[in-house]
């Protein structure tokens, strides 16, 4: 782990790779997006490639970099980035303004910027929610991503009722791959898996 988080440049590069839809980046594009010196970016990319976290390839005389999704810490890094940046980071940072949140979870597909279908739920929030606060955060993320976010919210009583009734909507949302933003996943799933 010590080779992962020794510099702010590396953190910025990880946030870029794990939050953008593009999968390949040229060094100059990375420099522009993370707002760091080119030598620092090249140094971190070389270290990350040495440890197998990123891979590079040549296309049309340009070296392009991408994160390796088969890296042993990919899922954990994705979770860390989701909880510190973008919509996930905003929900965690503003959780007291949003209300008393028992659970907040984000679909892994959404976190990876993969396309979602009309029936998919990108975000589920359970608790006593101040809806305008939550909607403001979601609106900001929608304008950044330039597409609609499918989200659902409900209070604990409704959530527990729907879990007990084995509501197909809730079962589908809870059994999809997810990243827990707030709350414990074991507790969340305890009423679902019987």
N, C-alpha and C. Protein backbone atom coordinates (compact mmCIF):
# COMPACT_ATOMS: atom_id res chain seq x y z
N UNK A 1 0.81 -1.20 0.00
CA UNK A 1 0.00 0.00 0.00
C UNK A 1 0.86 1.26 0.00
N UNK A 2 2.04 1.19 0.59
CA UNK A 2 2.85 2.40 0.70
C UNK A 2 3.19 3.02 -0.65
N UNK A 3 3.21 2.20 -1.71
CA UNK A 3 3.53 2.77 -3.02
C UNK A 3 2.34 3.47 -3.66
N UNK A 4 1.16 3.38 -3.06
CA UNK A 4 -0.03 3.96 -3.68
C UNK A 4 -0.27 5.43 -3.34
N UNK A 5 -0.05 5.83 -2.11
CA UNK A 5 -0.51 7.15 -1.69
C UNK A 5 0.61 8.03 -1.15
N UNK A 6 1.70 8.11 -1.85
CA UNK A 6 2.80 8.93 -1.36
C UNK A 6 2.82 10.33 -1.95
N UNK A 7 1.94 10.61 -2.90
CA UNK A 7 1.96 11.96 -3.48
C UNK A 7 0.57 12.42 -3.88
N UNK A 8 0.38 13.71 -3.82
CA UNK A 8 -0.90 14.29 -4.24
C UNK A 8 -1.09 14.16 -5.75
N UNK A 9 0.00 14.14 -6.51
CA UNK A 9 -0.10 13.96 -7.96
C UNK A 9 -0.68 12.58 -8.27
N UNK A 10 -0.23 11.56 -7.55
CA UNK A 10 -0.75 10.21 -7.76
C UNK A 10 -2.24 10.15 -7.42
N UNK A 11 -2.63 10.81 -6.35
CA UNK A 11 -4.04 10.83 -5.96
C UNK A 11 -4.88 11.49 -7.06
N UNK A 12 -4.40 12.61 -7.59
CA UNK A 12 -5.13 13.30 -8.67
C UNK A 12 -5.23 12.43 -9.92
N UNK A 13 -4.15 11.72 -10.24
CA UNK A 13 -4.17 10.84 -11.42
C UNK A 13 -5.17 9.71 -11.20
N UNK A 14 -5.17 9.11 -10.01
CA UNK A 14 -6.14 8.06 -9.71
C UNK A 14 -7.57 8.58 -9.81
N UNK A 15 -7.82 9.76 -9.28
CA UNK A 15 -9.16 10.33 -9.37
C UNK A 15 -9.56 10.54 -10.82
N UNK A 16 -8.64 11.01 -11.64
CA UNK A 16 -8.93 11.21 -13.06
C UNK A 16 -9.25 9.88 -13.74
N UNK A 17 -8.37 8.89 -13.56
CA UNK A 17 -8.57 7.60 -14.22
C UNK A 17 -9.85 6.90 -13.77
N UNK A 18 -10.21 7.06 -12.52
CA UNK A 18 -11.34 6.31 -11.98
C UNK A 18 -12.67 7.06 -12.06
N UNK A 19 -12.68 8.32 -12.48
CA UNK A 19 -13.94 9.06 -12.54
C UNK A 19 -14.30 9.53 -13.95
N UNK A 20 -13.47 9.29 -14.93
CA UNK A 20 -13.75 9.77 -16.28
C UNK A 20 -14.18 8.63 -17.18
N UNK A 21 -15.03 8.95 -18.13
CA UNK A 21 -15.51 7.94 -19.07
C UNK A 21 -14.42 7.48 -20.03
N UNK A 22 -13.52 8.39 -20.39
CA UNK A 22 -12.44 8.00 -21.30
C UNK A 22 -11.56 6.99 -20.60
N UNK A 23 -11.05 6.05 -21.35
CA UNK A 23 -10.21 5.03 -20.73
C UNK A 23 -8.73 5.24 -21.02
N UNK A 24 -8.38 5.96 -22.08
CA UNK A 24 -6.99 6.20 -22.44
C UNK A 24 -6.68 7.69 -22.38
N UNK A 25 -5.51 8.02 -21.79
CA UNK A 25 -5.11 9.41 -21.65
C UNK A 25 -3.67 9.60 -22.10
N UNK A 26 -3.44 10.66 -22.85
CA UNK A 26 -2.09 11.07 -23.20
C UNK A 26 -1.53 11.89 -22.04
N UNK A 27 -0.21 11.89 -21.88
CA UNK A 27 0.42 12.59 -20.76
C UNK A 27 -0.02 14.06 -20.69
N UNK A 28 -0.04 14.73 -21.82
CA UNK A 28 -0.40 16.17 -21.81
C UNK A 28 -1.85 16.38 -21.38
N UNK A 29 -2.72 15.44 -21.75
CA UNK A 29 -4.12 15.51 -21.31
C UNK A 29 -4.21 15.33 -19.79
N UNK A 30 -3.43 14.40 -19.27
CA UNK A 30 -3.40 14.18 -17.82
C UNK A 30 -2.89 15.44 -17.12
N UNK A 31 -1.82 16.01 -17.63
CA UNK A 31 -1.24 17.23 -17.05
C UNK A 31 -2.28 18.34 -17.02
N UNK A 32 -2.99 18.52 -18.12
CA UNK A 32 -4.01 19.57 -18.19
C UNK A 32 -5.13 19.33 -17.18
N UNK A 33 -5.58 18.10 -17.07
CA UNK A 33 -6.72 17.81 -16.19
C UNK A 33 -6.38 17.80 -14.71
N UNK A 34 -5.17 17.38 -14.35
CA UNK A 34 -4.82 17.35 -12.93
C UNK A 34 -4.11 18.61 -12.48
N UNK A 35 -3.75 19.47 -13.43
CA UNK A 35 -3.12 20.76 -13.14
C UNK A 35 -1.84 20.59 -12.30
N UNK A 36 -0.95 19.75 -12.82
CA UNK A 36 0.35 19.52 -12.19
C UNK A 36 1.43 19.60 -13.25
N UNK A 37 2.68 19.70 -12.81
CA UNK A 37 3.82 19.78 -13.72
C UNK A 37 3.99 18.48 -14.49
N UNK A 38 4.41 18.58 -15.74
CA UNK A 38 4.53 17.41 -16.60
C UNK A 38 5.53 16.40 -16.05
N UNK A 39 6.65 16.86 -15.49
CA UNK A 39 7.65 15.92 -14.96
C UNK A 39 7.09 15.13 -13.78
N UNK A 40 6.31 15.78 -12.93
CA UNK A 40 5.71 15.09 -11.78
C UNK A 40 4.71 14.05 -12.26
N UNK A 41 3.94 14.39 -13.28
CA UNK A 41 2.96 13.44 -13.83
C UNK A 41 3.67 12.26 -14.46
N UNK A 42 4.72 12.53 -15.25
CA UNK A 42 5.48 11.42 -15.88
C UNK A 42 6.10 10.51 -14.82
N UNK A 43 6.64 11.10 -13.78
CA UNK A 43 7.26 10.33 -12.71
C UNK A 43 6.23 9.40 -12.04
N UNK A 44 5.06 9.95 -11.73
CA UNK A 44 4.02 9.15 -11.08
C UNK A 44 3.48 8.07 -12.01
N UNK A 45 3.31 8.38 -13.28
CA UNK A 45 2.85 7.37 -14.23
C UNK A 45 3.86 6.23 -14.34
N UNK A 46 5.14 6.56 -14.35
CA UNK A 46 6.18 5.52 -14.41
C UNK A 46 6.12 4.63 -13.17
N UNK A 47 5.95 5.23 -12.00
CA UNK A 47 5.86 4.45 -10.77
C UNK A 47 4.60 3.56 -10.78
N UNK A 48 3.48 4.16 -11.18
CA UNK A 48 2.23 3.41 -11.21
C UNK A 48 2.30 2.25 -12.22
N UNK A 49 2.99 2.48 -13.33
CA UNK A 49 3.15 1.42 -14.33
C UNK A 49 4.07 0.32 -13.79
N UNK A 50 5.12 0.72 -13.08
CA UNK A 50 6.05 -0.25 -12.49
C UNK A 50 5.32 -1.18 -11.52
N UNK A 51 4.38 -0.65 -10.74
CA UNK A 51 3.64 -1.45 -9.77
C UNK A 51 2.42 -2.14 -10.38
N UNK A 52 2.21 -1.96 -11.69
CA UNK A 52 1.13 -2.66 -12.37
C UNK A 52 -0.23 -2.01 -12.23
N UNK A 53 -0.28 -0.79 -11.72
CA UNK A 53 -1.55 -0.10 -11.53
C UNK A 53 -2.06 0.53 -12.82
N UNK A 54 -1.16 0.99 -13.67
CA UNK A 54 -1.54 1.53 -14.98
C UNK A 54 -0.77 0.77 -16.06
N UNK A 55 -1.29 0.83 -17.26
CA UNK A 55 -0.63 0.24 -18.42
C UNK A 55 -0.56 1.32 -19.49
N UNK A 56 0.39 1.19 -20.38
CA UNK A 56 0.51 2.16 -21.46
C UNK A 56 0.57 1.41 -22.79
N UNK A 57 0.20 2.13 -23.82
CA UNK A 57 0.29 1.59 -25.18
C UNK A 57 0.56 2.72 -26.14
N UNK A 58 1.16 2.36 -27.27
CA UNK A 58 1.48 3.36 -28.29
C UNK A 58 0.41 3.35 -29.36
N UNK A 59 -0.06 4.53 -29.70
CA UNK A 59 -1.01 4.71 -30.81
C UNK A 59 -0.62 5.97 -31.56
N UNK A 60 -0.36 5.81 -32.84
CA UNK A 60 -0.03 6.95 -33.70
C UNK A 60 1.07 7.82 -33.09
N UNK A 61 2.15 7.20 -32.69
CA UNK A 61 3.30 7.91 -32.11
C UNK A 61 3.00 8.61 -30.79
N UNK A 62 1.98 8.20 -30.11
CA UNK A 62 1.64 8.79 -28.81
C UNK A 62 1.50 7.66 -27.79
N UNK A 63 2.06 7.90 -26.62
CA UNK A 63 1.94 6.92 -25.54
C UNK A 63 0.71 7.27 -24.71
N UNK A 64 -0.22 6.33 -24.62
CA UNK A 64 -1.47 6.54 -23.90
C UNK A 64 -1.49 5.63 -22.67
N UNK A 65 -2.08 6.16 -21.58
CA UNK A 65 -2.13 5.44 -20.32
C UNK A 65 -3.58 5.13 -19.94
N UNK A 66 -3.75 4.02 -19.23
CA UNK A 66 -5.05 3.63 -18.71
C UNK A 66 -4.84 2.90 -17.39
N UNK A 67 -5.86 2.92 -16.56
CA UNK A 67 -5.81 2.17 -15.30
C UNK A 67 -6.05 0.70 -15.63
N UNK A 68 -5.40 -0.17 -14.90
CA UNK A 68 -5.60 -1.61 -15.10
C UNK A 68 -6.71 -2.08 -14.19
N UNK A 69 -7.83 -2.46 -14.80
CA UNK A 69 -8.99 -2.91 -14.02
C UNK A 69 -8.76 -4.28 -13.40
N UNK A 70 -7.72 -4.98 -13.82
CA UNK A 70 -7.40 -6.28 -13.24
C UNK A 70 -6.40 -6.17 -12.08
N UNK A 71 -6.03 -4.95 -11.71
CA UNK A 71 -5.12 -4.76 -10.58
C UNK A 71 -5.79 -5.24 -9.30
N UNK A 72 -5.02 -5.83 -8.41
CA UNK A 72 -5.60 -6.43 -7.20
C UNK A 72 -6.31 -5.42 -6.30
N UNK A 73 -5.97 -4.13 -6.39
CA UNK A 73 -6.61 -3.13 -5.55
C UNK A 73 -7.59 -2.23 -6.32
N UNK A 74 -7.93 -2.61 -7.56
CA UNK A 74 -8.79 -1.75 -8.37
C UNK A 74 -10.13 -1.45 -7.68
N UNK A 75 -10.81 -2.46 -7.20
CA UNK A 75 -12.13 -2.26 -6.58
C UNK A 75 -12.02 -1.37 -5.34
N UNK A 76 -11.00 -1.58 -4.54
CA UNK A 76 -10.81 -0.77 -3.34
C UNK A 76 -10.48 0.68 -3.69
N UNK A 77 -9.63 0.86 -4.71
CA UNK A 77 -9.31 2.23 -5.14
C UNK A 77 -10.53 2.93 -5.70
N UNK A 78 -11.33 2.21 -6.47
CA UNK A 78 -12.57 2.79 -7.00
C UNK A 78 -13.46 3.24 -5.85
N UNK A 79 -13.60 2.39 -4.83
CA UNK A 79 -14.40 2.76 -3.66
C UNK A 79 -13.85 3.99 -2.95
N UNK A 80 -12.54 4.06 -2.78
CA UNK A 80 -11.92 5.23 -2.13
C UNK A 80 -12.17 6.51 -2.93
N UNK A 81 -12.00 6.42 -4.24
CA UNK A 81 -12.20 7.60 -5.09
C UNK A 81 -13.66 8.02 -5.09
N UNK A 82 -14.57 7.05 -5.19
CA UNK A 82 -16.01 7.36 -5.19
C UNK A 82 -16.41 8.06 -3.90
N UNK A 83 -15.81 7.66 -2.78
CA UNK A 83 -16.15 8.25 -1.49
C UNK A 83 -15.47 9.59 -1.25
N UNK A 84 -14.52 9.96 -2.09
CA UNK A 84 -13.82 11.22 -1.87
C UNK A 84 -14.04 12.25 -2.98
N UNK A 85 -14.63 11.86 -4.10
CA UNK A 85 -14.81 12.79 -5.22
C UNK A 85 -16.20 12.59 -5.83
N UNK A 86 -16.61 13.53 -6.63
CA UNK A 86 -17.87 13.42 -7.35
C UNK A 86 -19.08 13.37 -6.44
N UNK A 87 -20.12 12.70 -6.89
CA UNK A 87 -21.38 12.62 -6.16
C UNK A 87 -21.22 11.91 -4.82
N UNK A 88 -20.48 10.81 -4.80
CA UNK A 88 -20.27 10.08 -3.56
C UNK A 88 -19.59 10.93 -2.51
N UNK A 89 -18.54 11.63 -2.90
CA UNK A 89 -17.83 12.52 -1.98
C UNK A 89 -18.73 13.64 -1.50
N UNK A 90 -19.56 14.17 -2.40
CA UNK A 90 -20.47 15.27 -2.02
C UNK A 90 -21.52 14.79 -1.02
N UNK A 91 -22.03 13.58 -1.21
CA UNK A 91 -23.03 13.04 -0.27
C UNK A 91 -22.40 12.84 1.11
N UNK A 92 -21.22 12.27 1.15
CA UNK A 92 -20.56 12.05 2.44
C UNK A 92 -20.23 13.38 3.12
N UNK A 93 -19.71 14.33 2.34
CA UNK A 93 -19.34 15.64 2.90
C UNK A 93 -20.56 16.39 3.43
N UNK A 94 -21.69 16.27 2.76
CA UNK A 94 -22.90 17.03 3.12
C UNK A 94 -23.97 16.18 3.78
N UNK A 95 -23.60 15.07 4.38
CA UNK A 95 -24.61 14.15 4.90
C UNK A 95 -25.47 14.77 5.99
N UNK A 96 -24.95 15.67 6.79
CA UNK A 96 -25.80 16.29 7.82
C UNK A 96 -26.82 17.24 7.21
N UNK A 97 -26.48 17.91 6.12
CA UNK A 97 -27.43 18.80 5.45
C UNK A 97 -28.50 18.01 4.71
N UNK A 98 -28.13 16.80 4.24
CA UNK A 98 -29.08 15.97 3.49
C UNK A 98 -30.12 15.37 4.43
N UNK A 99 -29.77 15.17 5.68
CA UNK A 99 -30.71 14.60 6.64
C UNK A 99 -30.03 13.51 7.46
N UNK A 100 -30.83 12.62 8.00
CA UNK A 100 -30.31 11.49 8.77
C UNK A 100 -30.29 10.27 7.85
N UNK A 101 -29.15 10.02 7.26
CA UNK A 101 -29.02 8.94 6.28
C UNK A 101 -28.62 7.66 7.01
N UNK A 102 -29.39 6.62 6.80
CA UNK A 102 -29.06 5.29 7.34
C UNK A 102 -28.15 4.55 6.37
N UNK A 103 -28.52 4.57 5.08
CA UNK A 103 -27.73 3.92 4.04
C UNK A 103 -27.68 4.82 2.80
N UNK A 104 -26.55 4.81 2.17
CA UNK A 104 -26.41 5.43 0.84
C UNK A 104 -25.48 4.52 0.05
N UNK A 105 -25.93 4.08 -1.10
CA UNK A 105 -25.12 3.20 -1.93
C UNK A 105 -25.18 3.63 -3.38
N UNK A 106 -24.06 3.40 -4.07
CA UNK A 106 -23.95 3.77 -5.47
C UNK A 106 -23.64 2.50 -6.26
N UNK A 107 -24.29 2.34 -7.39
CA UNK A 107 -24.03 1.19 -8.25
C UNK A 107 -22.60 1.26 -8.77
N UNK A 108 -21.91 0.15 -8.73
CA UNK A 108 -20.53 0.11 -9.23
C UNK A 108 -20.48 0.50 -10.69
N UNK A 109 -21.47 0.09 -11.45
CA UNK A 109 -21.55 0.44 -12.87
C UNK A 109 -21.55 1.95 -13.05
N UNK A 110 -22.30 2.65 -12.21
CA UNK A 110 -22.35 4.11 -12.27
C UNK A 110 -21.00 4.70 -11.87
N UNK A 111 -20.37 4.14 -10.84
CA UNK A 111 -19.08 4.63 -10.38
C UNK A 111 -18.02 4.50 -11.48
N UNK A 112 -18.15 3.46 -12.31
CA UNK A 112 -17.20 3.23 -13.40
C UNK A 112 -17.57 4.00 -14.66
N UNK A 113 -18.61 4.80 -14.59
CA UNK A 113 -19.10 5.59 -15.74
C UNK A 113 -19.57 4.71 -16.89
N UNK A 114 -20.11 3.56 -16.55
CA UNK A 114 -20.68 2.69 -17.58
C UNK A 114 -22.13 3.07 -17.81
N UNK A 115 -22.62 2.80 -19.01
CA UNK A 115 -24.00 3.14 -19.35
C UNK A 115 -24.97 2.36 -18.47
N UNK A 116 -26.02 3.04 -18.06
CA UNK A 116 -27.07 2.36 -17.28
C UNK A 116 -28.34 2.35 -18.11
N UNK A 117 -29.15 1.34 -17.85
CA UNK A 117 -30.42 1.22 -18.55
C UNK A 117 -31.49 2.02 -17.83
N UNK A 118 -32.65 2.16 -18.45
CA UNK A 118 -33.73 2.94 -17.84
C UNK A 118 -34.26 2.34 -16.54
N UNK A 119 -34.08 1.05 -16.33
CA UNK A 119 -34.55 0.38 -15.13
C UNK A 119 -33.50 0.35 -14.01
N UNK A 120 -32.26 0.72 -14.34
CA UNK A 120 -31.18 0.67 -13.35
C UNK A 120 -31.26 1.85 -12.39
N UNK A 121 -30.83 1.62 -11.16
CA UNK A 121 -30.76 2.69 -10.16
C UNK A 121 -29.30 2.93 -9.85
N UNK A 122 -28.86 4.17 -10.06
CA UNK A 122 -27.47 4.54 -9.84
C UNK A 122 -27.17 4.82 -8.38
N UNK A 123 -28.17 5.33 -7.66
CA UNK A 123 -27.97 5.76 -6.28
C UNK A 123 -29.23 5.46 -5.47
N UNK A 124 -29.04 4.88 -4.29
CA UNK A 124 -30.15 4.65 -3.35
C UNK A 124 -29.77 5.28 -2.03
N UNK A 125 -30.67 6.10 -1.50
CA UNK A 125 -30.46 6.76 -0.21
C UNK A 125 -31.65 6.41 0.68
N UNK A 126 -31.36 5.92 1.89
CA UNK A 126 -32.39 5.52 2.84
C UNK A 126 -32.21 6.32 4.12
N UNK A 127 -33.30 6.92 4.59
CA UNK A 127 -33.27 7.69 5.84
C UNK A 127 -34.25 8.84 5.77
N UNK A 128 -34.12 9.75 6.72
CA UNK A 128 -34.94 10.97 6.72
C UNK A 128 -34.20 12.01 5.88
N UNK A 129 -34.66 12.21 4.66
CA UNK A 129 -33.93 12.98 3.66
C UNK A 129 -34.52 14.37 3.49
N UNK A 130 -33.64 15.38 3.40
CA UNK A 130 -34.04 16.73 3.01
C UNK A 130 -33.87 16.75 1.49
N UNK A 131 -34.98 16.53 0.81
CA UNK A 131 -34.95 16.29 -0.63
C UNK A 131 -34.29 17.41 -1.44
N UNK A 132 -34.57 18.70 -1.18
CA UNK A 132 -33.90 19.74 -1.99
C UNK A 132 -32.37 19.69 -1.90
N UNK A 133 -31.84 19.32 -0.73
CA UNK A 133 -30.38 19.22 -0.57
C UNK A 133 -29.83 18.08 -1.43
N UNK A 134 -30.48 16.92 -1.37
CA UNK A 134 -30.04 15.78 -2.17
C UNK A 134 -30.17 16.09 -3.66
N UNK A 135 -31.29 16.68 -4.05
CA UNK A 135 -31.51 17.00 -5.46
C UNK A 135 -30.48 18.00 -5.98
N UNK A 136 -30.05 18.93 -5.15
CA UNK A 136 -29.03 19.91 -5.58
C UNK A 136 -27.71 19.20 -5.89
N UNK A 137 -27.31 18.26 -5.04
CA UNK A 137 -26.07 17.52 -5.28
C UNK A 137 -26.18 16.68 -6.55
N UNK A 138 -27.32 16.04 -6.74
CA UNK A 138 -27.53 15.22 -7.92
C UNK A 138 -27.56 16.08 -9.18
N UNK A 139 -28.18 17.24 -9.11
CA UNK A 139 -28.22 18.15 -10.26
C UNK A 139 -26.81 18.59 -10.66
N UNK A 140 -25.97 18.87 -9.68
CA UNK A 140 -24.58 19.25 -9.97
C UNK A 140 -23.86 18.13 -10.71
N UNK A 141 -24.03 16.91 -10.24
CA UNK A 141 -23.37 15.76 -10.87
C UNK A 141 -23.94 15.50 -12.26
N UNK A 142 -25.25 15.68 -12.42
CA UNK A 142 -25.87 15.49 -13.74
C UNK A 142 -25.32 16.49 -14.75
N UNK A 143 -25.12 17.73 -14.33
CA UNK A 143 -24.58 18.72 -15.26
C UNK A 143 -23.12 18.41 -15.58
N UNK A 144 -22.38 17.87 -14.62
CA UNK A 144 -20.98 17.51 -14.86
C UNK A 144 -20.88 16.32 -15.82
N UNK A 145 -21.72 15.33 -15.62
CA UNK A 145 -21.69 14.12 -16.45
C UNK A 145 -22.47 14.29 -17.76
N UNK A 146 -23.33 15.28 -17.79
CA UNK A 146 -24.17 15.57 -18.96
C UNK A 146 -25.12 14.42 -19.30
N UNK A 147 -25.62 13.75 -18.28
CA UNK A 147 -26.72 12.79 -18.46
C UNK A 147 -27.43 12.59 -17.13
N UNK A 148 -28.65 12.09 -17.25
CA UNK A 148 -29.51 11.95 -16.08
C UNK A 148 -29.03 10.82 -15.16
N UNK A 149 -29.18 11.06 -13.87
CA UNK A 149 -28.83 10.07 -12.86
C UNK A 149 -30.13 9.46 -12.34
N UNK A 150 -30.23 8.14 -12.37
CA UNK A 150 -31.39 7.43 -11.84
C UNK A 150 -31.15 7.19 -10.35
N UNK A 151 -31.96 7.83 -9.52
CA UNK A 151 -31.77 7.66 -8.07
C UNK A 151 -33.11 7.41 -7.41
N UNK A 152 -33.02 6.83 -6.22
CA UNK A 152 -34.21 6.55 -5.45
C UNK A 152 -33.90 6.87 -3.99
N UNK A 153 -34.91 7.32 -3.27
CA UNK A 153 -34.75 7.61 -1.85
C UNK A 153 -36.02 7.15 -1.15
N UNK A 154 -35.87 6.77 0.10
CA UNK A 154 -37.03 6.36 0.89
C UNK A 154 -36.66 6.40 2.36
N UNK A 155 -37.68 6.46 3.20
CA UNK A 155 -37.39 6.43 4.64
C UNK A 155 -37.18 4.98 5.07
N UNK A 156 -36.69 4.81 6.29
CA UNK A 156 -36.36 3.47 6.79
C UNK A 156 -37.57 2.55 6.84
N UNK A 157 -38.72 3.10 7.24
CA UNK A 157 -39.92 2.27 7.35
C UNK A 157 -40.31 1.69 5.99
N UNK A 158 -40.31 2.52 4.95
CA UNK A 158 -40.64 2.04 3.61
C UNK A 158 -39.61 1.03 3.13
N UNK A 159 -38.34 1.33 3.38
CA UNK A 159 -37.28 0.43 2.96
C UNK A 159 -37.45 -0.94 3.62
N UNK A 160 -37.63 -0.96 4.93
CA UNK A 160 -37.79 -2.22 5.66
C UNK A 160 -39.02 -2.98 5.19
N UNK A 161 -40.13 -2.26 4.95
CA UNK A 161 -41.35 -2.89 4.45
C UNK A 161 -41.08 -3.55 3.10
N UNK A 162 -40.42 -2.82 2.20
CA UNK A 162 -40.16 -3.35 0.86
C UNK A 162 -39.19 -4.53 0.89
N UNK A 163 -38.25 -4.50 1.82
CA UNK A 163 -37.33 -5.64 1.97
C UNK A 163 -38.09 -6.86 2.46
N UNK A 164 -38.93 -6.67 3.49
CA UNK A 164 -39.72 -7.79 4.03
C UNK A 164 -40.65 -8.38 2.97
N UNK A 165 -41.21 -7.53 2.14
CA UNK A 165 -42.12 -7.99 1.08
C UNK A 165 -41.36 -8.55 -0.12
N UNK A 166 -40.02 -8.46 -0.07
CA UNK A 166 -39.16 -8.91 -1.17
C UNK A 166 -39.54 -8.24 -2.48
N UNK A 167 -39.74 -6.93 -2.37
CA UNK A 167 -40.08 -6.10 -3.53
C UNK A 167 -39.00 -6.28 -4.61
N UNK A 168 -39.40 -6.63 -5.84
CA UNK A 168 -38.41 -6.89 -6.91
C UNK A 168 -37.49 -5.70 -7.18
N UNK A 169 -38.03 -4.49 -7.09
CA UNK A 169 -37.20 -3.31 -7.30
C UNK A 169 -36.07 -3.24 -6.28
N UNK A 170 -36.41 -3.37 -5.00
CA UNK A 170 -35.41 -3.29 -3.93
C UNK A 170 -34.42 -4.44 -4.03
N UNK A 171 -34.90 -5.64 -4.29
CA UNK A 171 -34.01 -6.80 -4.40
C UNK A 171 -33.00 -6.57 -5.52
N UNK A 172 -33.46 -6.06 -6.66
CA UNK A 172 -32.56 -5.81 -7.78
C UNK A 172 -31.51 -4.76 -7.41
N UNK A 173 -31.94 -3.68 -6.78
CA UNK A 173 -31.01 -2.62 -6.40
C UNK A 173 -29.99 -3.12 -5.38
N UNK A 174 -30.44 -3.88 -4.40
CA UNK A 174 -29.55 -4.32 -3.33
C UNK A 174 -28.60 -5.44 -3.74
N UNK A 175 -28.98 -6.23 -4.73
CA UNK A 175 -28.12 -7.34 -5.12
C UNK A 175 -27.17 -6.98 -6.26
N UNK A 176 -27.28 -5.78 -6.83
CA UNK A 176 -26.34 -5.37 -7.86
C UNK A 176 -24.99 -5.02 -7.22
N UNK A 177 -23.91 -5.09 -7.97
CA UNK A 177 -22.62 -4.65 -7.41
C UNK A 177 -22.72 -3.18 -7.00
N UNK A 178 -22.24 -2.87 -5.80
CA UNK A 178 -22.43 -1.51 -5.27
C UNK A 178 -21.25 -1.09 -4.41
N UNK A 179 -21.20 0.20 -4.18
CA UNK A 179 -20.23 0.80 -3.26
C UNK A 179 -21.04 1.49 -2.19
N UNK A 180 -20.83 1.07 -0.95
CA UNK A 180 -21.54 1.69 0.17
C UNK A 180 -20.87 3.03 0.49
N UNK A 181 -21.65 4.10 0.43
CA UNK A 181 -21.16 5.43 0.80
C UNK A 181 -21.35 5.66 2.29
N UNK A 182 -22.53 5.29 2.78
CA UNK A 182 -22.87 5.46 4.19
C UNK A 182 -23.60 4.19 4.64
N UNK A 183 -23.24 3.69 5.80
CA UNK A 183 -23.90 2.51 6.35
C UNK A 183 -23.10 1.25 6.10
N UNK A 184 -23.56 0.17 6.70
CA UNK A 184 -22.88 -1.11 6.65
C UNK A 184 -23.59 -2.04 5.67
N UNK A 185 -22.86 -2.60 4.72
CA UNK A 185 -23.46 -3.44 3.70
C UNK A 185 -24.04 -4.73 4.29
N UNK A 186 -23.38 -5.31 5.27
CA UNK A 186 -23.88 -6.53 5.89
C UNK A 186 -25.24 -6.27 6.53
N UNK A 187 -25.35 -5.16 7.24
CA UNK A 187 -26.62 -4.78 7.86
C UNK A 187 -27.67 -4.48 6.80
N UNK A 188 -27.26 -3.79 5.74
CA UNK A 188 -28.17 -3.46 4.64
C UNK A 188 -28.77 -4.72 4.03
N UNK A 189 -27.95 -5.73 3.83
CA UNK A 189 -28.40 -6.94 3.15
C UNK A 189 -28.97 -7.99 4.08
N UNK A 190 -28.92 -7.76 5.40
CA UNK A 190 -29.33 -8.79 6.35
C UNK A 190 -30.79 -9.21 6.17
N UNK A 191 -31.66 -8.31 5.79
CA UNK A 191 -33.06 -8.67 5.59
C UNK A 191 -33.36 -9.22 4.22
N UNK A 192 -32.40 -9.11 3.31
CA UNK A 192 -32.63 -9.53 1.93
C UNK A 192 -32.26 -10.98 1.72
N UNK A 193 -31.09 -11.35 2.22
CA UNK A 193 -30.58 -12.71 2.00
C UNK A 193 -31.02 -13.58 3.17
N UNK A 194 -31.98 -14.44 2.92
CA UNK A 194 -32.51 -15.30 3.98
C UNK A 194 -32.24 -16.75 3.64
